[in-house]
Amino acid sequence: MKQIVVLGAGGYAQEVAWIIDDINARSPTWELLGYVDPANPHKKGQILYGRTVLGGFEVAATLPSKVCFACGIGRPASRRTESAAAEAHGWQPAALVHPSVIIARQVGIGEGTIIGAGSIVAPNAQIGRHCAINLHVSVGHDSTLGDFCVLSPGVRISGHAQLGAESFVGANASVYVRRRMGRGATLGANSFLVTDLAAEASALGIPAVPFARSTGAGTCTVQESKQS
């Protein structure tokens, strides 16, 4: 079995541990060593979903040289930062797909990408590195997801849509056919994007209306909204 750690120690990190458990239940593949969370040193030693928070990247010296990692962090920018740090330590990114996921032929899935239970990936979809595709997400045919995209539970991406790197789509939101989200763009929960969304822009509503520029993952402050 390959040894693996999960980056982060929050709710999504525990969902990643769940995916690993379900993969192992079907075919023993991974030995989950625990969580590595440099952003929350106070969590060291805590038990989450039956595994221990080992600490931050200082634990690298105590881990096997060929350890793998999966990023359990829900913010696109933080996924990029922590994944780059893990790779700098020589850790290998692992792509994890829950056994219940339905994947068509001619689909590309980048290293480090995680796909949660109940999701569907249609023909010719191309998913970048270190993406987080949560529960019950559908990724349409011929669509493209850039690196570090985060799709929250219930998201619907229609065919030929293009999401730039580090895009964030909130829970139960939808992106219409052939629409584009620029790098770092955010679509709020329960929204329906029927126009293109510029890089770093945020949009909310049905139909989704741009209302702020934000580098956050899924949220804009009231002040940002008033300034837009």
C-alpha atoms as a PDB file:
ATOM      1  CA  MET A   1       0.000   0.000   0.000  1.00  0.00           C
ATOM      2  CA  LYS A   2       1.111   3.552  -0.726  1.00  0.00           C
ATOM      3  CA  GLN A   3       1.499   5.932   2.190  1.00  0.00           C
ATOM      4  CA  ILE A   4      -0.387   9.212   2.037  1.00  0.00           C
ATOM      5  CA  VAL A   5      -1.085  12.335   4.101  1.00  0.00           C
ATOM      6  CA  VAL A   6      -3.948  14.803   3.752  1.00  0.00           C
ATOM      7  CA  LEU A   7      -3.121  18.523   3.680  1.00  0.00           C
ATOM      8  CA  GLY A   8      -5.391  20.534   5.968  1.00  0.00           C
ATOM      9  CA  ALA A   9      -7.333  19.593   9.060  1.00  0.00           C
ATOM     10  CA  GLY A  10     -10.824  20.961   8.501  1.00  0.00           C
ATOM     11  CA  GLY A  11     -14.100  19.542   7.283  1.00  0.00           C
ATOM     12  CA  TYR A  12     -13.036  18.974   3.682  1.00  0.00           C
ATOM     13  CA  ALA A  13      -9.837  17.242   4.810  1.00  0.00           C
ATOM     14  CA  GLN A  14     -12.003  14.747   6.667  1.00  0.00           C
ATOM     15  CA  GLU A  15     -14.067  14.188   3.517  1.00  0.00           C
ATOM     16  CA  VAL A  16     -10.821  13.360   1.709  1.00  0.00           C
ATOM     17  CA  ALA A  17     -10.045  10.817   4.436  1.00  0.00           C
ATOM     18  CA  TRP A  18     -13.506   9.343   3.852  1.00  0.00           C
ATOM     19  CA  ILE A  19     -12.753   8.980   0.126  1.00  0.00           C
ATOM     20  CA  ILE A  20      -9.504   7.186   0.960  1.00  0.00           C
ATOM     21  CA  ASP A  21     -11.354   4.830   3.310  1.00  0.00           C
ATOM     22  CA  ASP A  22     -13.933   3.980   0.641  1.00  0.00           C
ATOM     23  CA  ILE A  23     -11.243   3.392  -1.968  1.00  0.00           C
ATOM     24  CA  ASN A  24      -9.510   1.026   0.451  1.00  0.00           C
ATOM     25  CA  ALA A  25     -12.765  -0.787   1.202  1.00  0.00           C
ATOM     26  CA  ARG A  26     -12.976  -1.747  -2.469  1.00  0.00           C
ATOM     27  CA  SER A  27      -9.271  -2.299  -3.089  1.00  0.00           C
ATOM     28  CA  PRO A  28      -6.615  -1.692  -0.389  1.00  0.00           C
ATOM     29  CA  THR A  29      -4.482   1.061  -1.882  1.00  0.00           C
ATOM     30  CA  TRP A  30      -3.557   3.703   0.694  1.00  0.00           C
ATOM     31  CA  GLU A  31      -2.123   3.840   4.189  1.00  0.00           C
ATOM     32  CA  LEU A  32      -3.348   7.182   5.546  1.00  0.00           C
ATOM     33  CA  LEU A  33      -0.708   8.454   7.969  1.00  0.00           C
ATOM     34  CA  GLY A  34      -2.659  11.517   9.137  1.00  0.00           C
ATOM     35  CA  TYR A  35      -3.159  15.215   8.428  1.00  0.00           C
ATOM     36  CA  VAL A  36      -0.552  17.895   7.816  1.00  0.00           C
ATOM     37  CA  ASP A  37      -1.773  21.422   8.513  1.00  0.00           C
ATOM     38  CA  PRO A  38       0.876  24.172   8.773  1.00  0.00           C
ATOM     39  CA  ALA A  39      -1.812  26.874   8.996  1.00  0.00           C
ATOM     40  CA  ASN A  40      -3.291  25.539  12.246  1.00  0.00           C
ATOM     41  CA  PRO A  41      -0.501  24.436  14.606  1.00  0.00           C
ATOM     42  CA  HIS A  42      -2.965  24.342  17.519  1.00  0.00           C
ATOM     43  CA  LYS A  43      -4.632  21.312  15.935  1.00  0.00           C
ATOM     44  CA  LYS A  44      -1.533  19.129  16.269  1.00  0.00           C
ATOM     45  CA  GLY A  45      -2.438  15.907  18.043  1.00  0.00           C
ATOM     46  CA  GLN A  46      -6.170  16.195  17.444  1.00  0.00           C
ATOM     47  CA  ILE A  47      -8.023  13.153  16.147  1.00  0.00           C
ATOM     48  CA  LEU A  48     -10.234  13.889  13.134  1.00  0.00           C
ATOM     49  CA  TYR A  49     -12.244  11.154  11.450  1.00  0.00           C
ATOM     50  CA  GLY A  50     -10.055   8.592  13.193  1.00  0.00           C
ATOM     51  CA  ARG A  51      -6.702  10.072  12.141  1.00  0.00           C
ATOM     52  CA  THR A  52      -4.199  12.293  13.899  1.00  0.00           C
ATOM     53  CA  VAL A  53      -3.144  15.806  12.933  1.00  0.00           C
ATOM     54  CA  LEU A  54       0.606  15.273  12.678  1.00  0.00           C
ATOM     55  CA  GLY A  55       1.596  18.938  12.610  1.00  0.00           C
ATOM     56  CA  GLY A  56       2.959  21.205   9.870  1.00  0.00           C
ATOM     57  CA  PHE A  57       5.612  20.601   7.236  1.00  0.00           C
ATOM     58  CA  GLU A  58       8.213  20.119   9.974  1.00  0.00           C
ATOM     59  CA  VAL A  59       6.988  16.503  10.088  1.00  0.00           C
ATOM     60  CA  ALA A  60       8.482  15.904   6.631  1.00  0.00           C
ATOM     61  CA  ALA A  61      11.714  14.648   8.216  1.00  0.00           C
ATOM     62  CA  THR A  62       9.784  11.910  10.023  1.00  0.00           C
ATOM     63  CA  LEU A  63       7.768  10.710   7.027  1.00  0.00           C
ATOM     64  CA  PRO A  64       8.763   8.214   4.319  1.00  0.00           C
ATOM     65  CA  SER A  65      10.673   9.725   1.418  1.00  0.00           C
ATOM     66  CA  LYS A  66       8.075   8.604  -1.129  1.00  0.00           C
ATOM     67  CA  VAL A  67       4.961   9.725   0.723  1.00  0.00           C
ATOM     68  CA  CYS A  68       1.974  10.902  -1.337  1.00  0.00           C
ATOM     69  CA  PHE A  69      -0.402  13.717  -0.465  1.00  0.00           C
ATOM     70  CA  ALA A  70      -3.953  14.832  -1.195  1.00  0.00           C
ATOM     71  CA  CYS A  71      -5.010  18.410  -0.566  1.00  0.00           C
ATOM     72  CA  GLY A  72      -8.022  18.724   1.734  1.00  0.00           C
ATOM     73  CA  ILE A  73      -8.219  22.525   1.589  1.00  0.00           C
ATOM     74  CA  GLY A  74     -11.254  24.231   0.059  1.00  0.00           C
ATOM     75  CA  ARG A  75      -9.771  27.619  -0.887  1.00  0.00           C
ATOM     76  CA  PRO A  76      -8.195  27.622  -4.379  1.00  0.00           C
ATOM     77  CA  ALA A  77      -5.278  29.919  -3.513  1.00  0.00           C
ATOM     78  CA  SER A  78      -4.506  27.950  -0.362  1.00  0.00           C
ATOM     79  CA  ARG A  79      -4.655  24.697  -2.332  1.00  0.00           C
ATOM     80  CA  ARG A  80      -2.048  26.103  -4.696  1.00  0.00           C
ATOM     81  CA  THR A  81       0.222  27.337  -1.906  1.00  0.00           C
ATOM     82  CA  GLU A  82       0.117  24.225   0.268  1.00  0.00           C
ATOM     83  CA  SER A  83       0.339  21.799  -2.667  1.00  0.00           C
ATOM     84  CA  ALA A  84       3.418  23.625  -3.973  1.00  0.00           C
ATOM     85  CA  ALA A  85       5.004  23.383  -0.516  1.00  0.00           C
ATOM     86  CA  ALA A  86       4.256  19.661  -0.337  1.00  0.00           C
ATOM     87  CA  GLU A  87       5.789  19.060  -3.754  1.00  0.00           C
ATOM     88  CA  ALA A  88       8.831  21.087  -2.724  1.00  0.00           C
ATOM     89  CA  HIS A  89       9.309  18.515   0.052  1.00  0.00           C
ATOM     90  CA  GLY A  90       9.313  15.777  -2.578  1.00  0.00           C
ATOM     91  CA  TRP A  91       5.818  14.494  -1.787  1.00  0.00           C
ATOM     92  CA  GLN A  92       3.853  13.052  -4.702  1.00  0.00           C
ATOM     93  CA  PRO A  93       0.335  14.322  -5.511  1.00  0.00           C
ATOM     94  CA  ALA A  94      -2.322  11.613  -5.559  1.00  0.00           C
ATOM     95  CA  ALA A  95      -5.498  11.764  -7.629  1.00  0.00           C
ATOM     96  CA  LEU A  96      -8.395  10.355  -5.593  1.00  0.00           C
ATOM     97  CA  VAL A  97     -11.741   9.361  -7.104  1.00  0.00           C
ATOM     98  CA  HIS A  98     -14.534   8.016  -4.921  1.00  0.00           C
ATOM     99  CA  PRO A  99     -15.673   4.548  -6.101  1.00  0.00           C
ATOM    100  CA  SER A 100     -19.206   5.824  -6.740  1.00  0.00           C
ATOM    101  CA  VAL A 101     -18.073   8.397  -9.326  1.00  0.00           C
ATOM    102  CA  ILE A 102     -19.179   7.826 -12.941  1.00  0.00           C
ATOM    103  CA  ILE A 103     -16.478   8.763 -15.447  1.00  0.00           C
ATOM    104  CA  ALA A 104     -16.927   8.562 -19.209  1.00  0.00           C
ATOM    105  CA  ARG A 105     -14.209   7.625 -21.679  1.00  0.00           C
ATOM    106  CA  GLN A 106     -11.745  10.196 -23.018  1.00  0.00           C
ATOM    107  CA  VAL A 107     -11.665  12.171 -19.788  1.00  0.00           C
ATOM    108  CA  GLY A 108      -8.489  13.745 -18.444  1.00  0.00           C
ATOM    109  CA  ILE A 109      -7.930  14.071 -14.690  1.00  0.00           C
ATOM    110  CA  GLY A 110      -4.844  15.903 -13.453  1.00  0.00           C
ATOM    111  CA  GLU A 111      -2.595  14.702 -10.660  1.00  0.00           C
ATOM    112  CA  GLY A 112      -3.713  15.708  -7.201  1.00  0.00           C
ATOM    113  CA  THR A 113      -7.360  16.146  -8.218  1.00  0.00           C
ATOM    114  CA  ILE A 114     -10.027  14.816  -5.856  1.00  0.00           C
ATOM    115  CA  ILE A 115     -13.536  13.790  -6.945  1.00  0.00           C
ATOM    116  CA  GLY A 116     -16.163  13.171  -4.296  1.00  0.00           C
ATOM    117  CA  ALA A 117     -19.007  10.684  -3.981  1.00  0.00           C
ATOM    118  CA  GLY A 118     -21.872  10.737  -6.441  1.00  0.00           C
ATOM    119  CA  SER A 119     -20.193  12.919  -9.069  1.00  0.00           C
ATOM    120  CA  ILE A 120     -20.335  12.468 -12.855  1.00  0.00           C
ATOM    121  CA  VAL A 121     -17.687  13.437 -15.408  1.00  0.00           C
ATOM    122  CA  ALA A 122     -18.958  13.422 -19.008  1.00  0.00           C
ATOM    123  CA  PRO A 123     -17.057  12.547 -22.221  1.00  0.00           C
ATOM    124  CA  ASN A 124     -14.046  14.625 -23.216  1.00  0.00           C
ATOM    125  CA  ALA A 125     -14.008  16.700 -20.026  1.00  0.00           C
ATOM    126  CA  GLN A 126     -10.528  17.821 -19.045  1.00  0.00           C
ATOM    127  CA  ILE A 127      -9.797  18.477 -15.372  1.00  0.00           C
ATOM    128  CA  GLY A 128      -6.551  20.131 -14.301  1.00  0.00           C
ATOM    129  CA  ARG A 129      -4.177  19.475 -11.402  1.00  0.00           C
ATOM    130  CA  HIS A 130      -5.209  19.670  -7.755  1.00  0.00           C
ATOM    131  CA  CYS A 131      -8.865  20.414  -8.438  1.00  0.00           C
ATOM    132  CA  ALA A 132     -11.433  19.744  -5.703  1.00  0.00           C
ATOM    133  CA  ILE A 133     -14.707  18.336  -7.032  1.00  0.00           C
ATOM    134  CA  ASN A 134     -17.045  17.830  -4.130  1.00  0.00           C
ATOM    135  CA  LEU A 135     -20.179  15.709  -3.594  1.00  0.00           C
ATOM    136  CA  HIS A 136     -22.756  15.184  -6.363  1.00  0.00           C
ATOM    137  CA  VAL A 137     -21.071  17.429  -8.935  1.00  0.00           C
ATOM    138  CA  SER A 138     -21.552  17.011 -12.682  1.00  0.00           C
ATOM    139  CA  VAL A 139     -18.867  18.113 -15.129  1.00  0.00           C
ATOM    140  CA  GLY A 140     -20.272  18.376 -18.657  1.00  0.00           C
ATOM    141  CA  HIS A 141     -18.919  17.025 -21.907  1.00  0.00           C
ATOM    142  CA  ASP A 142     -15.980  18.860 -23.508  1.00  0.00           C
ATOM    143  CA  SER A 143     -15.657  21.184 -20.524  1.00  0.00           C
ATOM    144  CA  THR A 144     -12.308  22.319 -19.144  1.00  0.00           C
ATOM    145  CA  LEU A 145     -11.295  22.997 -15.552  1.00  0.00           C
ATOM    146  CA  GLY A 146      -7.998  24.751 -14.896  1.00  0.00           C
ATOM    147  CA  ASP A 147      -5.632  23.825 -12.080  1.00  0.00           C
ATOM    148  CA  PHE A 148      -6.816  24.309  -8.471  1.00  0.00           C
ATOM    149  CA  CYS A 149     -10.482  24.816  -9.355  1.00  0.00           C
ATOM    150  CA  VAL A 150     -12.914  24.131  -6.504  1.00  0.00           C
ATOM    151  CA  LEU A 151     -16.462  22.926  -7.222  1.00  0.00           C
ATOM    152  CA  SER A 152     -18.704  22.813  -4.142  1.00  0.00           C
ATOM    153  CA  PRO A 153     -21.412  20.181  -3.531  1.00  0.00           C
ATOM    154  CA  GLY A 154     -24.166  20.022  -6.126  1.00  0.00           C
ATOM    155  CA  VAL A 155     -22.428  22.125  -8.795  1.00  0.00           C
ATOM    156  CA  ARG A 156     -23.470  21.668 -12.436  1.00  0.00           C
ATOM    157  CA  ILE A 157     -20.964  22.512 -15.177  1.00  0.00           C
ATOM    158  CA  SER A 158     -22.537  22.341 -18.639  1.00  0.00           C
ATOM    159  CA  GLY A 159     -20.903  21.164 -21.835  1.00  0.00           C
ATOM    160  CA  HIS A 160     -18.032  23.127 -23.402  1.00  0.00           C
ATOM    161  CA  ALA A 161     -17.756  25.397 -20.353  1.00  0.00           C
ATOM    162  CA  GLN A 162     -14.296  26.660 -19.440  1.00  0.00           C
ATOM    163  CA  LEU A 163     -13.184  27.443 -15.896  1.00  0.00           C
ATOM    164  CA  GLY A 164      -9.872  29.193 -15.439  1.00  0.00           C
ATOM    165  CA  ALA A 165      -7.339  28.123 -12.852  1.00  0.00           C
ATOM    166  CA  GLU A 166      -8.325  28.750  -9.212  1.00  0.00           C
ATOM    167  CA  SER A 167     -11.993  29.326 -10.046  1.00  0.00           C
ATOM    168  CA  PHE A 168     -14.460  28.713  -7.217  1.00  0.00           C
ATOM    169  CA  VAL A 169     -18.080  27.623  -7.758  1.00  0.00           C
ATOM    170  CA  GLY A 170     -20.374  27.677  -4.725  1.00  0.00           C
ATOM    171  CA  ALA A 171     -22.823  24.978  -3.654  1.00  0.00           C
ATOM    172  CA  ASN A 172     -25.601  24.124  -6.121  1.00  0.00           C
ATOM    173  CA  ALA A 173     -24.458  26.753  -8.637  1.00  0.00           C
ATOM    174  CA  SER A 174     -24.557  26.121 -12.399  1.00  0.00           C
ATOM    175  CA  VAL A 175     -22.476  27.261 -15.360  1.00  0.00           C
ATOM    176  CA  TYR A 176     -24.333  27.332 -18.677  1.00  0.00           C
ATOM    177  CA  VAL A 177     -23.145  25.825 -21.963  1.00  0.00           C
ATOM    178  CA  ARG A 178     -19.962  27.344 -23.444  1.00  0.00           C
ATOM    179  CA  ARG A 179     -19.633  29.987 -20.741  1.00  0.00           C
ATOM    180  CA  ARG A 180     -16.241  30.933 -19.341  1.00  0.00           C
ATOM    181  CA  MET A 181     -14.970  31.836 -15.903  1.00  0.00           C
ATOM    182  CA  GLY A 182     -11.637  33.627 -15.810  1.00  0.00           C
ATOM    183  CA  ARG A 183      -8.762  32.749 -13.535  1.00  0.00           C
ATOM    184  CA  GLY A 184      -9.671  33.194  -9.885  1.00  0.00           C
ATOM    185  CA  ALA A 185     -13.329  33.994 -10.600  1.00  0.00           C
ATOM    186  CA  THR A 186     -16.011  33.173  -8.018  1.00  0.00           C
ATOM    187  CA  LEU A 187     -19.604  32.083  -8.651  1.00  0.00           C
ATOM    188  CA  GLY A 188     -21.770  32.258  -5.535  1.00  0.00           C
ATOM    189  CA  ALA A 189     -23.908  29.460  -4.153  1.00  0.00           C
ATOM    190  CA  ASN A 190     -27.214  28.684  -5.931  1.00  0.00           C
ATOM    191  CA  SER A 191     -26.285  30.978  -8.838  1.00  0.00           C
ATOM    192  CA  PHE A 192     -26.709  30.398 -12.583  1.00  0.00           C
ATOM    193  CA  LEU A 193     -23.977  31.799 -14.812  1.00  0.00           C
ATOM    194  CA  VAL A 194     -25.308  32.605 -18.292  1.00  0.00           C
ATOM    195  CA  THR A 195     -22.580  35.083 -19.335  1.00  0.00           C
ATOM    196  CA  ASP A 196     -18.802  34.927 -19.193  1.00  0.00           C
ATOM    197  CA  LEU A 197     -17.197  35.975 -15.907  1.00  0.00           C
ATOM    198  CA  ALA A 198     -13.937  37.911 -15.934  1.00  0.00           C
ATOM    199  CA  ALA A 199     -10.818  36.864 -14.074  1.00  0.00           C
ATOM    200  CA  GLU A 200     -10.975  37.580 -10.315  1.00  0.00           C
ATOM    201  CA  ALA A 201     -14.604  38.745 -10.649  1.00  0.00           C
ATOM    202  CA  SER A 202     -17.431  37.484  -8.434  1.00  0.00           C
ATOM    203  CA  ALA A 203     -21.042  36.919  -9.469  1.00  0.00           C
ATOM    204  CA  LEU A 204     -24.208  35.948  -7.643  1.00  0.00           C
ATOM    205  CA  GLY A 205     -27.852  35.305  -8.458  1.00  0.00           C
ATOM    206  CA  ILE A 206     -30.167  33.875 -11.129  1.00  0.00           C
ATOM    207  CA  PRO A 207     -28.997  34.930 -13.624  1.00  0.00           C
ATOM    208  CA  ALA A 208     -25.635  35.592 -11.984  1.00  0.00           C
ATOM    209  CA  VAL A 209     -24.630  39.263 -11.897  1.00  0.00           C
ATOM    210  CA  PRO A 210     -21.033  40.387 -11.247  1.00  0.00           C
ATOM    211  CA  PHE A 211     -20.895  42.406  -8.041  1.00  0.00           C
ATOM    212  CA  ALA A 212     -17.341  42.588  -6.736  1.00  0.00           C
ATOM    213  CA  ARG A 213     -13.725  41.751  -7.269  1.00  0.00           C
ATOM    214  CA  SER A 214     -12.313  39.421  -4.654  1.00  0.00           C
ATOM    215  CA  THR A 215      -9.393  37.081  -4.157  1.00  0.00           C
ATOM    216  CA  GLY A 216     -11.416  35.144  -1.582  1.00  0.00           C
ATOM    217  CA  ALA A 217     -12.868  31.709  -2.133  1.00  0.00           C
ATOM    218  CA  GLY A 218     -16.605  32.042  -2.469  1.00  0.00           C
ATOM    219  CA  THR A 219     -17.222  35.129  -0.342  1.00  0.00           C
ATOM    220  CA  CYS A 220     -17.075  38.872  -0.751  1.00  0.00           C
ATOM    221  CA  THR A 221     -17.478  41.312   2.107  1.00  0.00           C
ATOM    222  CA  VAL A 222     -20.345  43.798   2.306  1.00  0.00           C
ATOM    223  CA  GLN A 223     -17.806  46.580   1.814  1.00  0.00           C
ATOM    224  CA  GLU A 224     -16.524  44.999  -1.398  1.00  0.00           C
ATOM    225  CA  SER A 225     -20.080  44.716  -2.685  1.00  0.00           C
ATOM    226  CA  LYS A 226     -20.769  48.424  -2.001  1.00  0.00           C
ATOM    227  CA  GLN A 227     -17.583  49.421  -3.808  1.00  0.00           C
ATOM    228  CA  SER A 228     -18.346  47.480  -6.986  1.00  0.00           C
END
